Each structure stands twice: as C-alpha cells, then as structure tokens.
Amino acid sequence: MGQMEWAMWANEQAIASSLIVLLGGILGLTQVFPSWGFGLYGVIIGIVMFLFEYPRSQRKKGTTCERMYQHFLAVAVSKLGIFGSNYFIRFVLFILVGVPCCFQLPTVIGGMCFFITSILYFVMAAQL
C-alpha cells in the first residue's frame, strides 16, 4: 500500500473548511443571531484562509495539477517565508483561527473543520 499524501489532504480539507466558515459567517451576519461580530470574523477568516490555502503544494511522487490562477497566490504565500511553508505553524494557526468560530452557531461546523485541518497538519509535521 502506498504512502498517504497528508499535505494534499490537509490542503483540500483547509479549502473546504474555509468555505464552510465563510458560508457560516454569512449566515451569522443575519439578524437572527445576536453576536454578529463572530459572523463578520467568519467571513473575513474564511476569505483569508481560502486565499492562504489555495495554492496546491507539490507531491512527493508524480505530477501535480495546478489550480487555476494558483501562480499569483503562490508567489504571495512564498513571500511569507517560514509562516507559509512550515506545517507546524499551520497546525497552530488553524487551532487559533478555529477557536473564535466555536462561539456562534452558524460557524461551529467550520470551526470543527478547522480543528480537523489542524490535526492533519500536525500529522504532516510529525512525519517530517
């Protein structure tokens, strides 16, 4: 059986998590939920984390199909240095980003997805 590509899986999970938080944040901005600040946080973090995770990393073996317009964001992420390439820093980042998402009902599922993403990045960091 082949080796698991944890980085690719974590990247796809992060993209899905950011979209779920973005959708929950939009729902949180409605007048139904009293603390609209967490909804605004969900919208902003959803967009920022999507742009941060959009560039797909290279696979260890084989070829990687780039996403559309990935090159522009890959340059920006590579300028972040160790903050854009270290998996342990991404693990901590996703835990810190996921905690405020757990304070409002529409963004709770996205926050839990951020925690799962952080676990995947921790597994990847532990393998290196």
N, C-alpha and C. Protein backbone atom coordinates (compact mmCIF):
# COMPACT_ATOMS: atom_id res chain seq x y z
N MET A 1 0.84 -1.17 0.00
CA MET A 1 0.00 0.00 0.00
C MET A 1 0.89 1.24 0.00
N GLY A 2 0.51 2.29 -0.74
CA GLY A 2 1.32 3.49 -0.90
C GLY A 2 1.25 4.40 0.31
N GLN A 3 2.15 5.36 0.32
CA GLN A 3 2.19 6.34 1.39
C GLN A 3 1.05 7.35 1.23
N MET A 4 0.56 7.82 2.35
CA MET A 4 -0.51 8.80 2.35
C MET A 4 0.07 10.19 2.11
N GLU A 5 -0.54 10.96 1.23
CA GLU A 5 -0.13 12.35 0.97
C GLU A 5 -0.89 13.25 1.93
N TRP A 6 -0.39 13.40 3.16
CA TRP A 6 -1.08 14.16 4.18
C TRP A 6 -1.17 15.64 3.83
N ALA A 7 -0.16 16.17 3.17
CA ALA A 7 -0.17 17.60 2.84
C ALA A 7 -1.28 17.93 1.85
N MET A 8 -1.48 17.07 0.85
CA MET A 8 -2.54 17.31 -0.12
C MET A 8 -3.91 17.19 0.53
N TRP A 9 -4.07 16.21 1.40
CA TRP A 9 -5.34 16.01 2.08
C TRP A 9 -5.64 17.19 3.01
N ALA A 10 -4.62 17.65 3.74
CA ALA A 10 -4.82 18.79 4.63
C ALA A 10 -5.16 20.05 3.85
N ASN A 11 -4.54 20.21 2.68
CA ASN A 11 -4.82 21.38 1.85
C ASN A 11 -6.26 21.37 1.36
N GLU A 12 -6.74 20.23 0.90
CA GLU A 12 -8.13 20.14 0.45
C GLU A 12 -9.10 20.34 1.60
N GLN A 13 -8.76 19.82 2.77
CA GLN A 13 -9.61 20.00 3.96
C GLN A 13 -9.64 21.47 4.36
N ALA A 14 -8.51 22.16 4.24
CA ALA A 14 -8.46 23.58 4.61
C ALA A 14 -9.30 24.42 3.65
N ILE A 15 -9.27 24.07 2.36
CA ILE A 15 -10.10 24.80 1.39
C ILE A 15 -11.58 24.61 1.73
N ALA A 16 -11.97 23.37 1.99
CA ALA A 16 -13.37 23.10 2.34
C ALA A 16 -13.76 23.78 3.65
N SER A 17 -12.86 23.77 4.63
CA SER A 17 -13.14 24.39 5.92
C SER A 17 -13.34 25.89 5.78
N SER A 18 -12.50 26.52 4.98
CA SER A 18 -12.64 27.97 4.82
C SER A 18 -13.94 28.34 4.12
N LEU A 19 -14.36 27.52 3.17
CA LEU A 19 -15.64 27.80 2.51
C LEU A 19 -16.82 27.57 3.45
N ILE A 20 -16.72 26.56 4.33
CA ILE A 20 -17.78 26.31 5.30
C ILE A 20 -17.86 27.46 6.31
N VAL A 21 -16.71 27.96 6.76
CA VAL A 21 -16.70 29.09 7.69
C VAL A 21 -17.22 30.35 7.01
N LEU A 22 -16.88 30.54 5.74
CA LEU A 22 -17.39 31.69 5.00
C LEU A 22 -18.91 31.65 4.90
N LEU A 23 -19.46 30.51 4.58
CA LEU A 23 -20.91 30.37 4.50
C LEU A 23 -21.57 30.57 5.87
N GLY A 24 -20.97 29.98 6.91
CA GLY A 24 -21.50 30.18 8.26
C GLY A 24 -21.40 31.62 8.71
N GLY A 25 -20.33 32.29 8.31
CA GLY A 25 -20.19 33.70 8.65
C GLY A 25 -21.24 34.56 7.97
N ILE A 26 -21.55 34.24 6.71
CA ILE A 26 -22.61 34.97 6.02
C ILE A 26 -23.94 34.76 6.72
N LEU A 27 -24.21 33.53 7.13
CA LEU A 27 -25.44 33.27 7.88
C LEU A 27 -25.42 33.95 9.23
N GLY A 28 -24.24 34.06 9.85
CA GLY A 28 -24.13 34.71 11.15
C GLY A 28 -24.33 36.21 11.10
N LEU A 29 -24.18 36.80 9.92
CA LEU A 29 -24.40 38.25 9.80
C LEU A 29 -25.87 38.62 9.70
N THR A 30 -26.74 37.64 9.58
CA THR A 30 -28.17 37.93 9.53
C THR A 30 -28.64 38.40 10.91
N GLN A 31 -29.83 38.90 10.98
CA GLN A 31 -30.35 39.45 12.22
C GLN A 31 -30.85 38.37 13.18
N VAL A 32 -30.78 37.11 12.78
CA VAL A 32 -31.28 36.03 13.63
C VAL A 32 -30.36 35.79 14.82
N PHE A 33 -29.06 35.93 14.62
CA PHE A 33 -28.09 35.64 15.67
C PHE A 33 -27.60 36.94 16.29
N PRO A 34 -27.56 37.01 17.62
CA PRO A 34 -27.28 38.29 18.27
C PRO A 34 -25.83 38.78 18.14
N SER A 35 -24.87 37.89 18.16
CA SER A 35 -23.46 38.32 18.12
C SER A 35 -22.95 38.28 16.68
N TRP A 36 -23.22 39.36 15.96
CA TRP A 36 -22.87 39.42 14.54
C TRP A 36 -21.37 39.57 14.32
N GLY A 37 -20.62 39.92 15.37
CA GLY A 37 -19.17 40.08 15.25
C GLY A 37 -18.47 38.78 14.89
N PHE A 38 -18.98 37.67 15.44
CA PHE A 38 -18.41 36.37 15.09
C PHE A 38 -18.74 35.99 13.65
N GLY A 39 -19.88 36.44 13.16
CA GLY A 39 -20.21 36.22 11.75
C GLY A 39 -19.28 36.98 10.84
N LEU A 40 -18.98 38.23 11.21
CA LEU A 40 -18.04 39.03 10.43
C LEU A 40 -16.64 38.40 10.47
N TYR A 41 -16.26 37.91 11.65
CA TYR A 41 -14.98 37.19 11.77
C TYR A 41 -14.95 35.98 10.85
N GLY A 42 -16.05 35.23 10.79
CA GLY A 42 -16.13 34.06 9.93
C GLY A 42 -15.98 34.40 8.45
N VAL A 43 -16.58 35.51 8.04
CA VAL A 43 -16.46 35.93 6.64
C VAL A 43 -15.02 36.31 6.33
N ILE A 44 -14.41 37.12 7.19
CA ILE A 44 -13.04 37.58 6.94
C ILE A 44 -12.06 36.41 6.98
N ILE A 45 -12.15 35.57 8.01
CA ILE A 45 -11.22 34.44 8.13
C ILE A 45 -11.46 33.43 7.01
N GLY A 46 -12.69 33.22 6.61
CA GLY A 46 -12.97 32.31 5.51
C GLY A 46 -12.29 32.74 4.22
N ILE A 47 -12.34 34.04 3.93
CA ILE A 47 -11.69 34.55 2.71
C ILE A 47 -10.18 34.50 2.84
N VAL A 48 -9.64 34.92 3.99
CA VAL A 48 -8.18 34.94 4.17
C VAL A 48 -7.60 33.54 4.12
N MET A 49 -8.23 32.59 4.80
CA MET A 49 -7.70 31.22 4.82
C MET A 49 -7.86 30.54 3.46
N PHE A 50 -8.91 30.89 2.72
CA PHE A 50 -9.05 30.34 1.38
C PHE A 50 -7.91 30.83 0.50
N LEU A 51 -7.60 32.11 0.56
CA LEU A 51 -6.51 32.65 -0.25
C LEU A 51 -5.16 32.11 0.19
N PHE A 52 -5.01 31.86 1.49
CA PHE A 52 -3.75 31.30 2.02
C PHE A 52 -3.55 29.86 1.60
N GLU A 53 -4.61 29.08 1.52
CA GLU A 53 -4.51 27.66 1.23
C GLU A 53 -4.76 27.31 -0.24
N TYR A 54 -5.14 28.28 -1.06
CA TYR A 54 -5.48 27.97 -2.44
C TYR A 54 -4.32 27.39 -3.24
N PRO A 55 -3.09 27.89 -3.11
CA PRO A 55 -2.00 27.25 -3.86
C PRO A 55 -1.76 25.82 -3.39
N ARG A 56 -1.76 24.91 -4.32
CA ARG A 56 -1.57 23.49 -4.01
C ARG A 56 -0.09 23.18 -3.96
N SER A 57 0.34 22.42 -2.97
CA SER A 57 1.75 22.07 -2.83
C SER A 57 2.12 20.95 -3.80
N GLN A 58 3.41 20.76 -3.99
CA GLN A 58 3.90 19.72 -4.90
C GLN A 58 3.82 18.36 -4.22
N ARG A 59 3.55 17.35 -5.01
CA ARG A 59 3.51 15.98 -4.48
C ARG A 59 4.92 15.44 -4.39
N LYS A 60 5.11 14.43 -3.55
CA LYS A 60 6.43 13.80 -3.43
C LYS A 60 6.77 13.00 -4.68
N LYS A 61 5.79 12.28 -5.20
CA LYS A 61 5.97 11.50 -6.42
C LYS A 61 4.90 11.91 -7.42
N GLY A 62 5.24 11.81 -8.69
CA GLY A 62 4.25 12.09 -9.71
C GLY A 62 4.13 13.57 -10.00
N THR A 63 3.06 13.93 -10.68
CA THR A 63 2.85 15.32 -11.06
C THR A 63 1.67 15.90 -10.29
N THR A 64 1.67 17.20 -10.20
CA THR A 64 0.60 17.92 -9.51
C THR A 64 -0.08 18.83 -10.50
N CYS A 65 -1.39 18.74 -10.58
CA CYS A 65 -2.16 19.62 -11.45
C CYS A 65 -2.42 20.92 -10.68
N GLU A 66 -1.92 22.02 -11.21
CA GLU A 66 -2.10 23.30 -10.54
C GLU A 66 -3.54 23.77 -10.67
N ARG A 67 -3.98 24.52 -9.65
CA ARG A 67 -5.30 25.13 -9.72
C ARG A 67 -5.23 26.37 -10.61
N MET A 68 -6.37 26.78 -11.09
CA MET A 68 -6.44 27.97 -11.93
C MET A 68 -6.02 29.20 -11.12
N TYR A 69 -5.17 30.03 -11.68
CA TYR A 69 -4.65 31.26 -11.07
C TYR A 69 -3.88 31.00 -9.78
N GLN A 70 -3.34 29.82 -9.63
CA GLN A 70 -2.58 29.47 -8.43
C GLN A 70 -1.25 30.23 -8.37
N HIS A 71 -0.67 30.50 -9.51
CA HIS A 71 0.67 31.09 -9.54
C HIS A 71 0.73 32.43 -8.81
N PHE A 72 -0.30 33.25 -8.96
CA PHE A 72 -0.28 34.57 -8.33
C PHE A 72 -0.30 34.47 -6.80
N LEU A 73 -1.12 33.58 -6.29
CA LEU A 73 -1.18 33.41 -4.83
C LEU A 73 0.02 32.65 -4.29
N ALA A 74 0.60 31.76 -5.10
CA ALA A 74 1.77 31.01 -4.66
C ALA A 74 2.95 31.95 -4.41
N VAL A 75 3.08 32.98 -5.22
CA VAL A 75 4.14 33.97 -5.01
C VAL A 75 3.93 34.70 -3.69
N ALA A 76 2.69 35.07 -3.39
CA ALA A 76 2.39 35.78 -2.15
C ALA A 76 2.63 34.89 -0.93
N VAL A 77 2.24 33.63 -1.01
CA VAL A 77 2.44 32.71 0.12
C VAL A 77 3.92 32.41 0.32
N SER A 78 4.67 32.31 -0.77
CA SER A 78 6.10 32.04 -0.64
C SER A 78 6.85 33.22 -0.03
N LYS A 79 6.33 34.43 -0.16
CA LYS A 79 6.95 35.61 0.46
C LYS A 79 6.77 35.62 1.98
N LEU A 80 5.85 34.81 2.49
CA LEU A 80 5.65 34.73 3.94
C LEU A 80 6.78 33.98 4.64
N GLY A 81 7.61 33.29 3.86
CA GLY A 81 8.75 32.57 4.41
C GLY A 81 8.33 31.34 5.19
N ILE A 82 8.81 31.25 6.43
CA ILE A 82 8.53 30.06 7.24
C ILE A 82 7.05 29.98 7.61
N PHE A 83 6.34 31.10 7.67
CA PHE A 83 4.92 31.08 8.01
C PHE A 83 4.07 30.48 6.89
N GLY A 84 4.57 30.49 5.68
CA GLY A 84 3.83 29.92 4.56
C GLY A 84 4.20 28.50 4.23
N SER A 85 5.32 28.00 4.78
CA SER A 85 5.79 26.68 4.38
C SER A 85 5.87 25.67 5.51
N ASN A 86 5.89 26.11 6.76
CA ASN A 86 6.05 25.20 7.88
C ASN A 86 4.69 24.62 8.29
N TYR A 87 4.60 23.30 8.35
CA TYR A 87 3.33 22.64 8.68
C TYR A 87 2.98 22.78 10.15
N PHE A 88 3.99 22.86 11.04
CA PHE A 88 3.68 23.02 12.46
C PHE A 88 3.08 24.40 12.73
N ILE A 89 3.56 25.42 12.03
CA ILE A 89 2.98 26.76 12.19
C ILE A 89 1.55 26.78 11.66
N ARG A 90 1.29 26.06 10.58
CA ARG A 90 -0.08 25.96 10.07
C ARG A 90 -0.97 25.22 11.06
N PHE A 91 -0.43 24.21 11.74
CA PHE A 91 -1.18 23.49 12.77
C PHE A 91 -1.63 24.46 13.86
N VAL A 92 -0.72 25.27 14.36
CA VAL A 92 -1.05 26.23 15.42
C VAL A 92 -2.01 27.30 14.88
N LEU A 93 -1.78 27.75 13.65
CA LEU A 93 -2.62 28.77 13.05
C LEU A 93 -4.08 28.32 12.94
N PHE A 94 -4.29 27.09 12.50
CA PHE A 94 -5.66 26.61 12.34
C PHE A 94 -6.35 26.38 13.67
N ILE A 95 -5.60 26.04 14.71
CA ILE A 95 -6.22 25.94 16.04
C ILE A 95 -6.64 27.33 16.53
N LEU A 96 -5.75 28.30 16.37
CA LEU A 96 -6.07 29.66 16.82
C LEU A 96 -7.21 30.28 16.04
N VAL A 97 -7.27 29.99 14.75
CA VAL A 97 -8.33 30.54 13.91
C VAL A 97 -9.67 29.85 14.20
N GLY A 98 -9.62 28.58 14.57
CA GLY A 98 -10.85 27.83 14.79
C GLY A 98 -11.56 28.11 16.10
N VAL A 99 -10.84 28.60 17.10
CA VAL A 99 -11.45 28.82 18.41
C VAL A 99 -12.57 29.87 18.37
N PRO A 100 -12.38 31.06 17.79
CA PRO A 100 -13.49 32.02 17.78
C PRO A 100 -14.68 31.57 16.94
N CYS A 101 -14.47 30.64 16.03
CA CYS A 101 -15.59 30.15 15.22
C CYS A 101 -16.55 29.29 16.04
N CYS A 102 -16.13 28.86 17.21
CA CYS A 102 -16.98 28.00 18.02
C CYS A 102 -17.92 28.77 18.94
N PHE A 103 -17.95 30.11 18.84
CA PHE A 103 -18.79 30.91 19.72
C PHE A 103 -20.12 31.32 19.11
N GLN A 104 -20.37 30.96 17.87
CA GLN A 104 -21.65 31.28 17.25
C GLN A 104 -22.12 30.04 16.47
N LEU A 105 -23.39 29.78 16.52
CA LEU A 105 -23.95 28.56 15.95
C LEU A 105 -23.63 28.35 14.46
N PRO A 106 -23.77 29.33 13.59
CA PRO A 106 -23.52 29.05 12.17
C PRO A 106 -22.07 28.72 11.83
N THR A 107 -21.12 29.17 12.64
CA THR A 107 -19.72 28.93 12.32
C THR A 107 -19.10 27.77 13.12
N VAL A 108 -19.90 27.07 13.91
CA VAL A 108 -19.37 25.98 14.73
C VAL A 108 -18.85 24.84 13.86
N ILE A 109 -19.58 24.47 12.84
CA ILE A 109 -19.15 23.36 11.99
C ILE A 109 -17.85 23.72 11.27
N GLY A 110 -17.74 24.96 10.81
CA GLY A 110 -16.49 25.40 10.19
C GLY A 110 -15.33 25.40 11.17
N GLY A 111 -15.60 25.79 12.41
CA GLY A 111 -14.56 25.75 13.43
C GLY A 111 -14.08 24.34 13.71
N MET A 112 -15.01 23.40 13.76
CA MET A 112 -14.62 22.00 13.94
C MET A 112 -13.81 21.49 12.73
N CYS A 113 -14.19 21.95 11.55
CA CYS A 113 -13.42 21.57 10.35
C CYS A 113 -12.01 22.15 10.42
N PHE A 114 -11.87 23.37 10.96
CA PHE A 114 -10.53 23.94 11.14
C PHE A 114 -9.72 23.10 12.12
N PHE A 115 -10.36 22.59 13.18
CA PHE A 115 -9.65 21.73 14.13
C PHE A 115 -9.19 20.43 13.46
N ILE A 116 -10.03 19.85 12.62
CA ILE A 116 -9.64 18.63 11.89
C ILE A 116 -8.48 18.94 10.95
N THR A 117 -8.52 20.09 10.30
CA THR A 117 -7.43 20.51 9.43
C THR A 117 -6.14 20.66 10.23
N SER A 118 -6.24 21.22 11.42
CA SER A 118 -5.03 21.38 12.23
C SER A 118 -4.45 20.02 12.64
N ILE A 119 -5.31 19.06 12.91
CA ILE A 119 -4.82 17.71 13.23
C ILE A 119 -4.10 17.12 12.03
N LEU A 120 -4.64 17.31 10.83
CA LEU A 120 -3.97 16.80 9.63
C LEU A 120 -2.61 17.46 9.42
N TYR A 121 -2.53 18.75 9.65
CA TYR A 121 -1.23 19.43 9.53
C TYR A 121 -0.26 18.99 10.62
N PHE A 122 -0.77 18.66 11.82
CA PHE A 122 0.11 18.14 12.87
C PHE A 122 0.67 16.78 12.48
N VAL A 123 -0.16 15.94 11.90
CA VAL A 123 0.32 14.62 11.44
C VAL A 123 1.40 14.80 10.37
N MET A 124 1.18 15.75 9.47
CA MET A 124 2.17 16.01 8.43
C MET A 124 3.46 16.56 9.03
N ALA A 125 3.36 17.45 10.02
CA ALA A 125 4.54 18.00 10.66
C ALA A 125 5.30 16.93 11.45
N ALA A 126 4.57 16.00 12.04
CA ALA A 126 5.21 14.93 12.81
C ALA A 126 5.94 13.92 11.90
N GLN A 127 5.48 13.77 10.67
CA GLN A 127 6.14 12.84 9.75
C GLN A 127 7.44 13.39 9.20
N LEU A 128 7.60 14.70 9.17
CA LEU A 128 8.81 15.29 8.61
C LEU A 128 9.97 15.22 9.54
